PDB file of all heavy atoms in Angstrom:
ATOM      1  N   ARG A   1      -2.868  11.902 -12.694  1.00  0.00           N
ATOM      2  CA  ARG A   1      -2.918  13.283 -13.205  1.00  0.00           C
ATOM      3  C   ARG A   1      -4.347  13.790 -13.389  1.00  0.00           C
ATOM      4  O   ARG A   1      -4.625  14.950 -13.138  1.00  0.00           O
ATOM      5  CB  ARG A   1      -2.211  13.372 -14.563  1.00  0.00           C
ATOM      6  CG  ARG A   1      -0.713  13.331 -14.528  1.00  0.00           C
ATOM      7  CD  ARG A   1      -0.102  13.674 -15.892  1.00  0.00           C
ATOM      8  NE  ARG A   1      -0.692  12.947 -17.012  1.00  0.00           N
ATOM      9  CZ  ARG A   1      -0.280  11.759 -17.457  1.00  0.00           C
ATOM     10  NH1 ARG A   1       0.745  11.162 -16.889  1.00  0.00           N
ATOM     11  NH2 ARG A   1      -0.873  11.177 -18.475  1.00  0.00           N
ATOM     12  N   GLU A   2      -5.247  12.917 -13.826  1.00  0.00           N
ATOM     13  CA  GLU A   2      -6.549  13.372 -14.304  1.00  0.00           C
ATOM     14  C   GLU A   2      -7.719  13.150 -13.348  1.00  0.00           C
ATOM     15  O   GLU A   2      -8.744  13.809 -13.480  1.00  0.00           O
ATOM     16  CB  GLU A   2      -6.865  12.689 -15.647  1.00  0.00           C
ATOM     17  CG  GLU A   2      -5.868  13.059 -16.728  1.00  0.00           C
ATOM     18  CD  GLU A   2      -6.092  12.314 -18.032  1.00  0.00           C
ATOM     19  OE1 GLU A   2      -7.046  11.496 -18.126  1.00  0.00           O
ATOM     20  OE2 GLU A   2      -5.302  12.538 -18.974  1.00  0.00           O
ATOM     21  N   LYS A   3      -7.602  12.227 -12.422  1.00  0.00           N
ATOM     22  CA  LYS A   3      -8.722  11.910 -11.527  1.00  0.00           C
ATOM     23  C   LYS A   3      -8.524  12.566 -10.174  1.00  0.00           C
ATOM     24  O   LYS A   3      -7.410  12.737  -9.704  1.00  0.00           O
ATOM     25  CB  LYS A   3      -8.854  10.394 -11.349  1.00  0.00           C
ATOM     26  CG  LYS A   3      -9.087   9.624 -12.635  1.00  0.00           C
ATOM     27  CD  LYS A   3     -10.491   9.807 -13.134  1.00  0.00           C
ATOM     28  CE  LYS A   3     -10.746   8.903 -14.328  1.00  0.00           C
ATOM     29  NZ  LYS A   3     -12.119   8.955 -14.774  1.00  0.00           N
ATOM     30  N   LYS A   4      -9.638  12.897  -9.532  1.00  0.00           N
ATOM     31  CA  LYS A   4      -9.589  13.497  -8.196  1.00  0.00           C
ATOM     32  C   LYS A   4      -9.810  12.395  -7.166  1.00  0.00           C
ATOM     33  O   LYS A   4     -10.916  11.884  -6.997  1.00  0.00           O
ATOM     34  CB  LYS A   4     -10.657  14.586  -8.071  1.00  0.00           C
ATOM     35  CG  LYS A   4     -10.591  15.357  -6.759  1.00  0.00           C
ATOM     36  CD  LYS A   4     -11.577  16.509  -6.782  1.00  0.00           C
ATOM     37  CE  LYS A   4     -11.703  17.338  -5.569  1.00  0.00           C
ATOM     38  NZ  LYS A   4     -10.850  17.262  -4.483  1.00  0.00           N
ATOM     39  N   PHE A   5      -8.722  12.017  -6.510  1.00  0.00           N
ATOM     40  CA  PHE A   5      -8.780  11.019  -5.446  1.00  0.00           C
ATOM     41  C   PHE A   5      -7.548  11.178  -4.576  1.00  0.00           C
ATOM     42  O   PHE A   5      -6.642  11.942  -4.895  1.00  0.00           O
ATOM     43  CB  PHE A   5      -8.887   9.595  -6.017  1.00  0.00           C
ATOM     44  CG  PHE A   5      -7.641   9.073  -6.687  1.00  0.00           C
ATOM     45  CD1 PHE A   5      -6.893   8.079  -6.094  1.00  0.00           C
ATOM     46  CD2 PHE A   5      -7.231   9.545  -7.930  1.00  0.00           C
ATOM     47  CE1 PHE A   5      -5.750   7.582  -6.705  1.00  0.00           C
ATOM     48  CE2 PHE A   5      -6.107   9.057  -8.560  1.00  0.00           C
ATOM     49  CZ  PHE A   5      -5.354   8.069  -7.940  1.00  0.00           C
ATOM     50  N   ARG A   6      -7.546  10.504  -3.440  1.00  0.00           N
ATOM     51  CA  ARG A   6      -6.428  10.581  -2.497  1.00  0.00           C
ATOM     52  C   ARG A   6      -5.654   9.264  -2.551  1.00  0.00           C
ATOM     53  O   ARG A   6      -6.029   8.294  -1.917  1.00  0.00           O
ATOM     54  CB  ARG A   6      -6.951  10.894  -1.103  1.00  0.00           C
ATOM     55  CG  ARG A   6      -7.516  12.325  -1.044  1.00  0.00           C
ATOM     56  CD  ARG A   6      -8.305  12.593   0.195  1.00  0.00           C
ATOM     57  NE  ARG A   6      -9.612  11.953   0.083  1.00  0.00           N
ATOM     58  CZ  ARG A   6     -10.449  11.768   1.098  1.00  0.00           C
ATOM     59  NH1 ARG A   6     -10.124  12.166   2.308  1.00  0.00           N
ATOM     60  NH2 ARG A   6     -11.609  11.192   0.905  1.00  0.00           N
ATOM     61  N   PRO A   7      -4.583   9.242  -3.345  1.00  0.00           N
ATOM     62  CA  PRO A   7      -3.859   7.985  -3.568  1.00  0.00           C
ATOM     63  C   PRO A   7      -2.879   7.615  -2.458  1.00  0.00           C
ATOM     64  O   PRO A   7      -2.158   8.454  -1.922  1.00  0.00           O
ATOM     65  CB  PRO A   7      -3.105   8.240  -4.872  1.00  0.00           C
ATOM     66  CG  PRO A   7      -2.953   9.722  -4.938  1.00  0.00           C
ATOM     67  CD  PRO A   7      -4.119  10.317  -4.202  1.00  0.00           C
ATOM     68  N   ILE A   8      -2.882   6.329  -2.152  1.00  0.00           N
ATOM     69  CA  ILE A   8      -1.905   5.732  -1.260  1.00  0.00           C
ATOM     70  C   ILE A   8      -1.190   4.664  -2.090  1.00  0.00           C
ATOM     71  O   ILE A   8      -1.829   3.769  -2.645  1.00  0.00           O
ATOM     72  CB  ILE A   8      -2.578   5.079  -0.035  1.00  0.00           C
ATOM     73  CG1 ILE A   8      -3.358   6.116   0.774  1.00  0.00           C
ATOM     74  CG2 ILE A   8      -1.545   4.358   0.826  1.00  0.00           C
ATOM     75  CD1 ILE A   8      -4.214   5.516   1.878  1.00  0.00           C
ATOM     76  N   ALA A   9       0.128   4.756  -2.177  1.00  0.00           N
ATOM     77  CA  ALA A   9       0.913   3.802  -2.955  1.00  0.00           C
ATOM     78  C   ALA A   9       1.351   2.632  -2.081  1.00  0.00           C
ATOM     79  O   ALA A   9       1.829   2.824  -0.974  1.00  0.00           O
ATOM     80  CB  ALA A   9       2.138   4.484  -3.544  1.00  0.00           C
ATOM     81  N   MET A  10       1.171   1.421  -2.611  1.00  0.00           N
ATOM     82  CA  MET A  10       1.692   0.227  -1.948  1.00  0.00           C
ATOM     83  C   MET A  10       2.462  -0.586  -2.986  1.00  0.00           C
ATOM     84  O   MET A  10       2.443  -0.262  -4.176  1.00  0.00           O
ATOM     85  CB  MET A  10       0.578  -0.595  -1.311  1.00  0.00           C
ATOM     86  CG  MET A  10      -0.349  -1.268  -2.272  1.00  0.00           C
ATOM     87  SD  MET A  10      -1.561  -2.259  -1.369  1.00  0.00           S
ATOM     88  CE  MET A  10      -2.370  -3.066  -2.732  1.00  0.00           C
ATOM     89  N   SER A  11       3.149  -1.611  -2.549  1.00  0.00           N
ATOM     90  CA  SER A  11       3.993  -2.444  -3.432  1.00  0.00           C
ATOM     91  C   SER A  11       4.954  -1.598  -4.245  1.00  0.00           C
ATOM     92  O   SER A  11       5.236  -1.888  -5.399  1.00  0.00           O
ATOM     93  CB  SER A  11       3.135  -3.325  -4.349  1.00  0.00           C
ATOM     94  OG  SER A  11       2.465  -4.302  -3.609  1.00  0.00           O
ATOM     95  N   VAL A  12       5.460  -0.546  -3.621  1.00  0.00           N
ATOM     96  CA  VAL A  12       6.358   0.368  -4.329  1.00  0.00           C
ATOM     97  C   VAL A  12       7.677  -0.304  -4.689  1.00  0.00           C
ATOM     98  O   VAL A  12       8.324   0.078  -5.666  1.00  0.00           O
ATOM     99  CB  VAL A  12       6.598   1.674  -3.534  1.00  0.00           C
ATOM    100  CG1 VAL A  12       5.295   2.437  -3.353  1.00  0.00           C
ATOM    101  CG2 VAL A  12       7.252   1.402  -2.196  1.00  0.00           C
ATOM    102  N   PHE A  13       8.083  -1.328  -3.936  1.00  0.00           N
ATOM    103  CA  PHE A  13       9.322  -2.050  -4.226  1.00  0.00           C
ATOM    104  C   PHE A  13       9.086  -3.247  -5.144  1.00  0.00           C
ATOM    105  O   PHE A  13      10.024  -3.974  -5.468  1.00  0.00           O
ATOM    106  CB  PHE A  13       9.981  -2.529  -2.927  1.00  0.00           C
ATOM    107  CG  PHE A  13      10.280  -1.422  -1.952  1.00  0.00           C
ATOM    108  CD1 PHE A  13       9.739  -1.438  -0.681  1.00  0.00           C
ATOM    109  CD2 PHE A  13      11.100  -0.363  -2.306  1.00  0.00           C
ATOM    110  CE1 PHE A  13      10.013  -0.419   0.229  1.00  0.00           C
ATOM    111  CE2 PHE A  13      11.381   0.664  -1.405  1.00  0.00           C
ATOM    112  CZ  PHE A  13      10.832   0.630  -0.138  1.00  0.00           C
ATOM    113  N   ALA A  14       7.829  -3.468  -5.556  1.00  0.00           N
ATOM    114  CA  ALA A  14       7.460  -4.579  -6.442  1.00  0.00           C
ATOM    115  C   ALA A  14       7.989  -5.913  -5.887  1.00  0.00           C
ATOM    116  O   ALA A  14       8.636  -6.681  -6.588  1.00  0.00           O
ATOM    117  CB  ALA A  14       7.955  -4.326  -7.866  1.00  0.00           C
ATOM    118  N   SER A  15       7.704  -6.154  -4.616  1.00  0.00           N
ATOM    119  CA  SER A  15       8.145  -7.375  -3.918  1.00  0.00           C
ATOM    120  C   SER A  15       9.642  -7.615  -4.045  1.00  0.00           C
ATOM    121  O   SER A  15      10.098  -8.738  -4.217  1.00  0.00           O
ATOM    122  CB  SER A  15       7.354  -8.587  -4.412  1.00  0.00           C
ATOM    123  OG  SER A  15       6.042  -8.533  -3.923  1.00  0.00           O
ATOM    124  N   GLY A  16      10.421  -6.546  -3.992  1.00  0.00           N
ATOM    125  CA  GLY A  16      11.872  -6.654  -4.018  1.00  0.00           C
ATOM    126  C   GLY A  16      12.494  -6.602  -5.401  1.00  0.00           C
ATOM    127  O   GLY A  16      13.707  -6.688  -5.539  1.00  0.00           O
ATOM    128  N   ALA A  17      11.697  -6.443  -6.444  1.00  0.00           N
ATOM    129  CA  ALA A  17      12.227  -6.402  -7.808  1.00  0.00           C
ATOM    130  C   ALA A  17      12.918  -5.077  -8.133  1.00  0.00           C
ATOM    131  O   ALA A  17      13.683  -4.997  -9.083  1.00  0.00           O
ATOM    132  CB  ALA A  17      11.108  -6.668  -8.818  1.00  0.00           C
ATOM    133  N   ILE A  18      12.621  -4.036  -7.341  1.00  0.00           N
ATOM    134  CA  ILE A  18      13.210  -2.714  -7.579  1.00  0.00           C
ATOM    135  C   ILE A  18      13.999  -2.323  -6.329  1.00  0.00           C
ATOM    136  O   ILE A  18      13.501  -2.448  -5.207  1.00  0.00           O
ATOM    137  CB  ILE A  18      12.118  -1.644  -7.844  1.00  0.00           C
ATOM    138  CG1 ILE A  18      11.125  -2.109  -8.907  1.00  0.00           C
ATOM    139  CG2 ILE A  18      12.762  -0.318  -8.263  1.00  0.00           C
ATOM    140  CD1 ILE A  18       9.904  -1.203  -9.028  1.00  0.00           C
ATOM    141  N   ALA A  19      15.213  -1.839  -6.534  1.00  0.00           N
ATOM    142  CA  ALA A  19      16.038  -1.390  -5.408  1.00  0.00           C
ATOM    143  C   ALA A  19      15.339  -0.242  -4.685  1.00  0.00           C
ATOM    144  O   ALA A  19      14.659   0.573  -5.326  1.00  0.00           O
ATOM    145  CB  ALA A  19      17.412  -0.940  -5.915  1.00  0.00           C
ATOM    146  N   PRO A  20      15.479  -0.151  -3.365  1.00  0.00           N
ATOM    147  CA  PRO A  20      14.749   0.860  -2.596  1.00  0.00           C
ATOM    148  C   PRO A  20      14.880   2.292  -3.109  1.00  0.00           C
ATOM    149  O   PRO A  20      13.873   2.974  -3.300  1.00  0.00           O
ATOM    150  CB  PRO A  20      15.321   0.713  -1.190  1.00  0.00           C
ATOM    151  CG  PRO A  20      15.711  -0.730  -1.115  1.00  0.00           C
ATOM    152  CD  PRO A  20      16.230  -1.058  -2.488  1.00  0.00           C
ATOM    153  N   ARG A  21      16.091   2.771  -3.338  1.00  0.00           N
ATOM    154  CA  ARG A  21      16.250   4.164  -3.783  1.00  0.00           C
ATOM    155  C   ARG A  21      15.560   4.375  -5.131  1.00  0.00           C
ATOM    156  O   ARG A  21      14.832   5.335  -5.313  1.00  0.00           O
ATOM    157  CB  ARG A  21      17.716   4.578  -3.863  1.00  0.00           C
ATOM    158  CG  ARG A  21      17.864   5.997  -4.450  1.00  0.00           C
ATOM    159  CD  ARG A  21      19.256   6.547  -4.334  1.00  0.00           C
ATOM    160  NE  ARG A  21      19.579   7.057  -3.029  1.00  0.00           N
ATOM    161  CZ  ARG A  21      19.154   8.232  -2.541  1.00  0.00           C
ATOM    162  NH1 ARG A  21      18.371   8.991  -3.245  1.00  0.00           N
ATOM    163  NH2 ARG A  21      19.518   8.631  -1.352  1.00  0.00           N
ATOM    164  N   GLU A  22      15.782   3.473  -6.075  1.00  0.00           N
ATOM    165  CA  GLU A  22      15.167   3.593  -7.401  1.00  0.00           C
ATOM    166  C   GLU A  22      13.643   3.572  -7.294  1.00  0.00           C
ATOM    167  O   GLU A  22      12.955   4.371  -7.925  1.00  0.00           O
ATOM    168  CB  GLU A  22      15.664   2.452  -8.285  1.00  0.00           C
ATOM    169  CG  GLU A  22      15.096   2.454  -9.688  1.00  0.00           C
ATOM    170  CD  GLU A  22      15.555   1.263 -10.512  1.00  0.00           C
ATOM    171  OE1 GLU A  22      16.319   0.414 -10.016  1.00  0.00           O
ATOM    172  OE2 GLU A  22      15.116   1.188 -11.672  1.00  0.00           O
ATOM    173  N   ALA A  23      13.121   2.665  -6.484  1.00  0.00           N
ATOM    174  CA  ALA A  23      11.666   2.549  -6.311  1.00  0.00           C
ATOM    175  C   ALA A  23      11.083   3.827  -5.725  1.00  0.00           C
ATOM    176  O   ALA A  23      10.065   4.343  -6.205  1.00  0.00           O
ATOM    177  CB  ALA A  23      11.351   1.361  -5.405  1.00  0.00           C
ATOM    178  N   LEU A  24      11.731   4.338  -4.693  1.00  0.00           N
ATOM    179  CA  LEU A  24      11.206   5.526  -4.015  1.00  0.00           C
ATOM    180  C   LEU A  24      11.412   6.799  -4.835  1.00  0.00           C
ATOM    181  O   LEU A  24      10.586   7.710  -4.767  1.00  0.00           O
ATOM    182  CB  LEU A  24      11.816   5.647  -2.624  1.00  0.00           C
ATOM    183  CG  LEU A  24      11.378   4.534  -1.660  1.00  0.00           C
ATOM    184  CD1 LEU A  24      12.176   4.591  -0.374  1.00  0.00           C
ATOM    185  CD2 LEU A  24       9.880   4.594  -1.398  1.00  0.00           C
ATOM    186  N   GLU A  25      12.478   6.865  -5.623  1.00  0.00           N
ATOM    187  CA  GLU A  25      12.652   8.017  -6.516  1.00  0.00           C
ATOM    188  C   GLU A  25      11.469   8.113  -7.483  1.00  0.00           C
ATOM    189  O   GLU A  25      10.930   9.187  -7.713  1.00  0.00           O
ATOM    190  CB  GLU A  25      13.966   7.914  -7.301  1.00  0.00           C
ATOM    191  CG  GLU A  25      15.176   8.272  -6.479  1.00  0.00           C
ATOM    192  CD  GLU A  25      16.500   8.024  -7.196  1.00  0.00           C
ATOM    193  OE1 GLU A  25      16.517   7.367  -8.264  1.00  0.00           O
ATOM    194  OE2 GLU A  25      17.527   8.487  -6.664  1.00  0.00           O
ATOM    195  N   TYR A  26      11.055   6.967  -8.024  1.00  0.00           N
ATOM    196  CA  TYR A  26       9.914   6.962  -8.946  1.00  0.00           C
ATOM    197  C   TYR A  26       8.625   7.383  -8.230  1.00  0.00           C
ATOM    198  O   TYR A  26       7.940   8.309  -8.657  1.00  0.00           O
ATOM    199  CB  TYR A  26       9.723   5.582  -9.585  1.00  0.00           C
ATOM    200  CG  TYR A  26       8.444   5.503 -10.362  1.00  0.00           C
ATOM    201  CD1 TYR A  26       8.316   6.146 -11.597  1.00  0.00           C
ATOM    202  CD2 TYR A  26       7.331   4.850  -9.853  1.00  0.00           C
ATOM    203  CE1 TYR A  26       7.124   6.124 -12.303  1.00  0.00           C
ATOM    204  CE2 TYR A  26       6.137   4.808 -10.553  1.00  0.00           C
ATOM    205  CZ  TYR A  26       6.039   5.452 -11.768  1.00  0.00           C
ATOM    206  OH  TYR A  26       4.846   5.434 -12.453  1.00  0.00           O
ATOM    207  N   VAL A  27       8.306   6.714  -7.138  1.00  0.00           N
ATOM    208  CA  VAL A  27       7.041   6.988  -6.441  1.00  0.00           C
ATOM    209  C   VAL A  27       7.003   8.426  -5.920  1.00  0.00           C
ATOM    210  O   VAL A  27       5.989   9.107  -6.024  1.00  0.00           O
ATOM    211  CB  VAL A  27       6.799   5.961  -5.315  1.00  0.00           C
ATOM    212  CG1 VAL A  27       5.590   6.332  -4.475  1.00  0.00           C
ATOM    213  CG2 VAL A  27       6.603   4.581  -5.907  1.00  0.00           C
ATOM    214  N   CYS A  28       8.112   8.893  -5.381  1.00  0.00           N
ATOM    215  CA  CYS A  28       8.147  10.261  -4.855  1.00  0.00           C
ATOM    216  C   CYS A  28       8.088  11.307  -5.963  1.00  0.00           C
ATOM    217  O   CYS A  28       7.741  12.459  -5.705  1.00  0.00           O
ATOM    218  CB  CYS A  28       9.378  10.461  -3.972  1.00  0.00           C
ATOM    219  SG  CYS A  28       9.273   9.564  -2.398  1.00  0.00           S
ATOM    220  N   SER A  29       8.400  10.923  -7.191  1.00  0.00           N
ATOM    221  CA  SER A  29       8.284  11.865  -8.310  1.00  0.00           C
ATOM    222  C   SER A  29       6.826  12.096  -8.705  1.00  0.00           C
ATOM    223  O   SER A  29       6.517  13.059  -9.399  1.00  0.00           O
ATOM    224  CB  SER A  29       9.077  11.365  -9.522  1.00  0.00           C
ATOM    225  OG  SER A  29       8.394  10.302 -10.181  1.00  0.00           O
ATOM    226  N   LEU A  30       5.945  11.222  -8.264  1.00  0.00           N
ATOM    227  CA  LEU A  30       4.513  11.340  -8.558  1.00  0.00           C
ATOM    228  C   LEU A  30       3.890  12.208  -7.464  1.00  0.00           C
ATOM    229  O   LEU A  30       3.495  11.719  -6.411  1.00  0.00           O
ATOM    230  CB  LEU A  30       3.874   9.949  -8.610  1.00  0.00           C
ATOM    231  CG  LEU A  30       4.493   8.983  -9.622  1.00  0.00           C
ATOM    232  CD1 LEU A  30       3.949   7.576  -9.415  1.00  0.00           C
ATOM    233  CD2 LEU A  30       4.251   9.465 -11.045  1.00  0.00           C
ATOM    234  N   LYS A  31       3.824  13.485  -7.710  1.00  0.00           N
ATOM    235  CA  LYS A  31       3.446  14.456  -6.674  1.00  0.00           C
ATOM    236  C   LYS A  31       2.031  14.254  -6.131  1.00  0.00           C
ATOM    237  O   LYS A  31       1.709  14.708  -5.039  1.00  0.00           O
ATOM    238  CB  LYS A  31       3.592  15.886  -7.221  1.00  0.00           C
ATOM    239  CG  LYS A  31       5.012  16.229  -7.644  1.00  0.00           C
ATOM    240  CD  LYS A  31       6.001  16.017  -6.513  1.00  0.00           C
ATOM    241  CE  LYS A  31       7.413  16.323  -6.942  1.00  0.00           C
ATOM    242  NZ  LYS A  31       8.416  15.762  -6.070  1.00  0.00           N
ATOM    243  N   GLU A  32       1.176  13.563  -6.877  1.00  0.00           N
ATOM    244  CA  GLU A  32      -0.206  13.362  -6.425  1.00  0.00           C
ATOM    245  C   GLU A  32      -0.307  12.353  -5.280  1.00  0.00           C
ATOM    246  O   GLU A  32      -1.302  12.338  -4.556  1.00  0.00           O
ATOM    247  CB  GLU A  32      -1.078  12.866  -7.598  1.00  0.00           C
ATOM    248  CG  GLU A  32      -1.146  13.812  -8.770  1.00  0.00           C
ATOM    249  CD  GLU A  32       0.011  13.654  -9.763  1.00  0.00           C
ATOM    250  OE1 GLU A  32       0.890  12.792  -9.570  1.00  0.00           O
ATOM    251  OE2 GLU A  32       0.040  14.418 -10.734  1.00  0.00           O
ATOM    252  N   ILE A  33       0.686  11.508  -5.114  1.00  0.00           N
ATOM    253  CA  ILE A  33       0.635  10.474  -4.081  1.00  0.00           C
ATOM    254  C   ILE A  33       0.741  11.117  -2.701  1.00  0.00           C
ATOM    255  O   ILE A  33       1.663  11.870  -2.423  1.00  0.00           O
ATOM    256  CB  ILE A  33       1.734   9.425  -4.303  1.00  0.00           C
ATOM    257  CG1 ILE A  33       1.418   8.664  -5.589  1.00  0.00           C
ATOM    258  CG2 ILE A  33       1.848   8.488  -3.106  1.00  0.00           C
ATOM    259  CD1 ILE A  33       2.403   7.617  -5.962  1.00  0.00           C
ATOM    260  N   GLU A  34      -0.232  10.808  -1.857  1.00  0.00           N
ATOM    261  CA  GLU A  34      -0.298  11.407  -0.523  1.00  0.00           C
ATOM    262  C   GLU A  34       0.393  10.571   0.540  1.00  0.00           C
ATOM    263  O   GLU A  34       0.873  11.108   1.528  1.00  0.00           O
ATOM    264  CB  GLU A  34      -1.762  11.627  -0.133  1.00  0.00           C
ATOM    265  CG  GLU A  34      -2.456  12.644  -1.028  1.00  0.00           C
ATOM    266  CD  GLU A  34      -3.844  13.016  -0.541  1.00  0.00           C
ATOM    267  OE1 GLU A  34      -4.290  12.497   0.505  1.00  0.00           O
ATOM    268  OE2 GLU A  34      -4.475  13.841  -1.211  1.00  0.00           O
ATOM    269  N   SER A  35       0.419   9.249   0.348  1.00  0.00           N
ATOM    270  CA  SER A  35       0.988   8.355   1.355  1.00  0.00           C
ATOM    271  C   SER A  35       1.617   7.150   0.671  1.00  0.00           C
ATOM    272  O   SER A  35       1.236   6.791  -0.435  1.00  0.00           O
ATOM    273  CB  SER A  35      -0.096   7.850   2.314  1.00  0.00           C
ATOM    274  OG  SER A  35      -0.728   8.910   2.972  1.00  0.00           O
ATOM    275  N   ILE A  36       2.553   6.537   1.381  1.00  0.00           N
ATOM    276  CA  ILE A  36       3.211   5.339   0.884  1.00  0.00           C
ATOM    277  C   ILE A  36       3.154   4.286   1.975  1.00  0.00           C
ATOM    278  O   ILE A  36       3.528   4.546   3.120  1.00  0.00           O
ATOM    279  CB  ILE A  36       4.685   5.624   0.514  1.00  0.00           C
ATOM    280  CG1 ILE A  36       4.773   6.682  -0.584  1.00  0.00           C
ATOM    281  CG2 ILE A  36       5.387   4.338   0.083  1.00  0.00           C
ATOM    282  CD1 ILE A  36       6.179   7.185  -0.853  1.00  0.00           C
ATOM    283  N   VAL A  37       2.699   3.093   1.620  1.00  0.00           N
ATOM    284  CA  VAL A  37       2.692   1.956   2.528  1.00  0.00           C
ATOM    285  C   VAL A  37       3.867   1.070   2.127  1.00  0.00           C
ATOM    286  O   VAL A  37       4.034   0.771   0.946  1.00  0.00           O
ATOM    287  CB  VAL A  37       1.372   1.157   2.400  1.00  0.00           C
ATOM    288  CG1 VAL A  37       1.410  -0.098   3.242  1.00  0.00           C
ATOM    289  CG2 VAL A  37       0.182   2.014   2.766  1.00  0.00           C
ATOM    290  N   PHE A  38       4.682   0.670   3.094  1.00  0.00           N
ATOM    291  CA  PHE A  38       5.804  -0.208   2.767  1.00  0.00           C
ATOM    292  C   PHE A  38       6.025  -1.208   3.888  1.00  0.00           C
ATOM    293  O   PHE A  38       5.671  -0.964   5.034  1.00  0.00           O
ATOM    294  CB  PHE A  38       7.089   0.600   2.505  1.00  0.00           C
ATOM    295  CG  PHE A  38       7.585   1.384   3.680  1.00  0.00           C
ATOM    296  CD1 PHE A  38       8.477   0.803   4.584  1.00  0.00           C
ATOM    297  CD2 PHE A  38       7.173   2.690   3.893  1.00  0.00           C
ATOM    298  CE1 PHE A  38       8.940   1.532   5.678  1.00  0.00           C
ATOM    299  CE2 PHE A  38       7.634   3.424   4.982  1.00  0.00           C
ATOM    300  CZ  PHE A  38       8.518   2.844   5.876  1.00  0.00           C
ATOM    301  N   GLY A  39       6.610  -2.317   3.527  1.00  0.00           N
ATOM    302  CA  GLY A  39       6.957  -3.325   4.509  1.00  0.00           C
ATOM    303  C   GLY A  39       8.421  -3.206   4.881  1.00  0.00           C
ATOM    304  O   GLY A  39       9.241  -2.774   4.071  1.00  0.00           O
ATOM    305  N   ALA A  40       8.747  -3.576   6.098  1.00  0.00           N
ATOM    306  CA  ALA A  40      10.130  -3.540   6.557  1.00  0.00           C
ATOM    307  C   ALA A  40      10.316  -4.624   7.611  1.00  0.00           C
ATOM    308  O   ALA A  40       9.390  -4.932   8.363  1.00  0.00           O
ATOM    309  CB  ALA A  40      10.461  -2.171   7.139  1.00  0.00           C
ATOM    310  N   SER A  41      11.513  -5.172   7.660  1.00  0.00           N
ATOM    311  CA  SER A  41      11.759  -6.270   8.584  1.00  0.00           C
ATOM    312  C   SER A  41      12.412  -5.849   9.896  1.00  0.00           C
ATOM    313  O   SER A  41      12.430  -6.616  10.852  1.00  0.00           O
ATOM    314  CB  SER A  41      12.618  -7.338   7.902  1.00  0.00           C
ATOM    315  OG  SER A  41      13.829  -6.766   7.446  1.00  0.00           O
ATOM    316  N   THR A  42      12.954  -4.629   9.928  1.00  0.00           N
ATOM    317  CA  THR A  42      13.588  -4.175  11.165  1.00  0.00           C
ATOM    318  C   THR A  42      13.276  -2.700  11.405  1.00  0.00           C
ATOM    319  O   THR A  42      12.876  -1.971  10.495  1.00  0.00           O
ATOM    320  CB  THR A  42      15.130  -4.314  11.108  1.00  0.00           C
ATOM    321  OG1 THR A  42      15.637  -3.402  10.129  1.00  0.00           O
ATOM    322  CG2 THR A  42      15.571  -5.729  10.783  1.00  0.00           C
ATOM    323  N   ARG A  43      13.499  -2.281  12.626  1.00  0.00           N
ATOM    324  CA  ARG A  43      13.333  -0.871  12.983  1.00  0.00           C
ATOM    325  C   ARG A  43      14.247   0.009  12.121  1.00  0.00           C
ATOM    326  O   ARG A  43      13.857   1.079  11.673  1.00  0.00           O
ATOM    327  CB  ARG A  43      13.640  -0.692  14.476  1.00  0.00           C
ATOM    328  CG  ARG A  43      13.502   0.704  14.981  1.00  0.00           C
ATOM    329  CD  ARG A  43      13.842   0.755  16.494  1.00  0.00           C
ATOM    330  NE  ARG A  43      13.400   1.980  17.067  1.00  0.00           N
ATOM    331  CZ  ARG A  43      12.196   2.180  17.613  1.00  0.00           C
ATOM    332  NH1 ARG A  43      11.323   1.205  17.651  1.00  0.00           N
ATOM    333  NH2 ARG A  43      11.873   3.354  18.107  1.00  0.00           N
TER     334      ARG A  43
END
């Protein structure tokens, strides 16, 4: 909220500790985040 920077979120799923929808609902609610890095095992 307070700093001027271009944030990229990673570890949004907390290594599998958070279900995908719940994890992404939280991260996507943070309007300042410009990009999200995530891992996936299949197309």
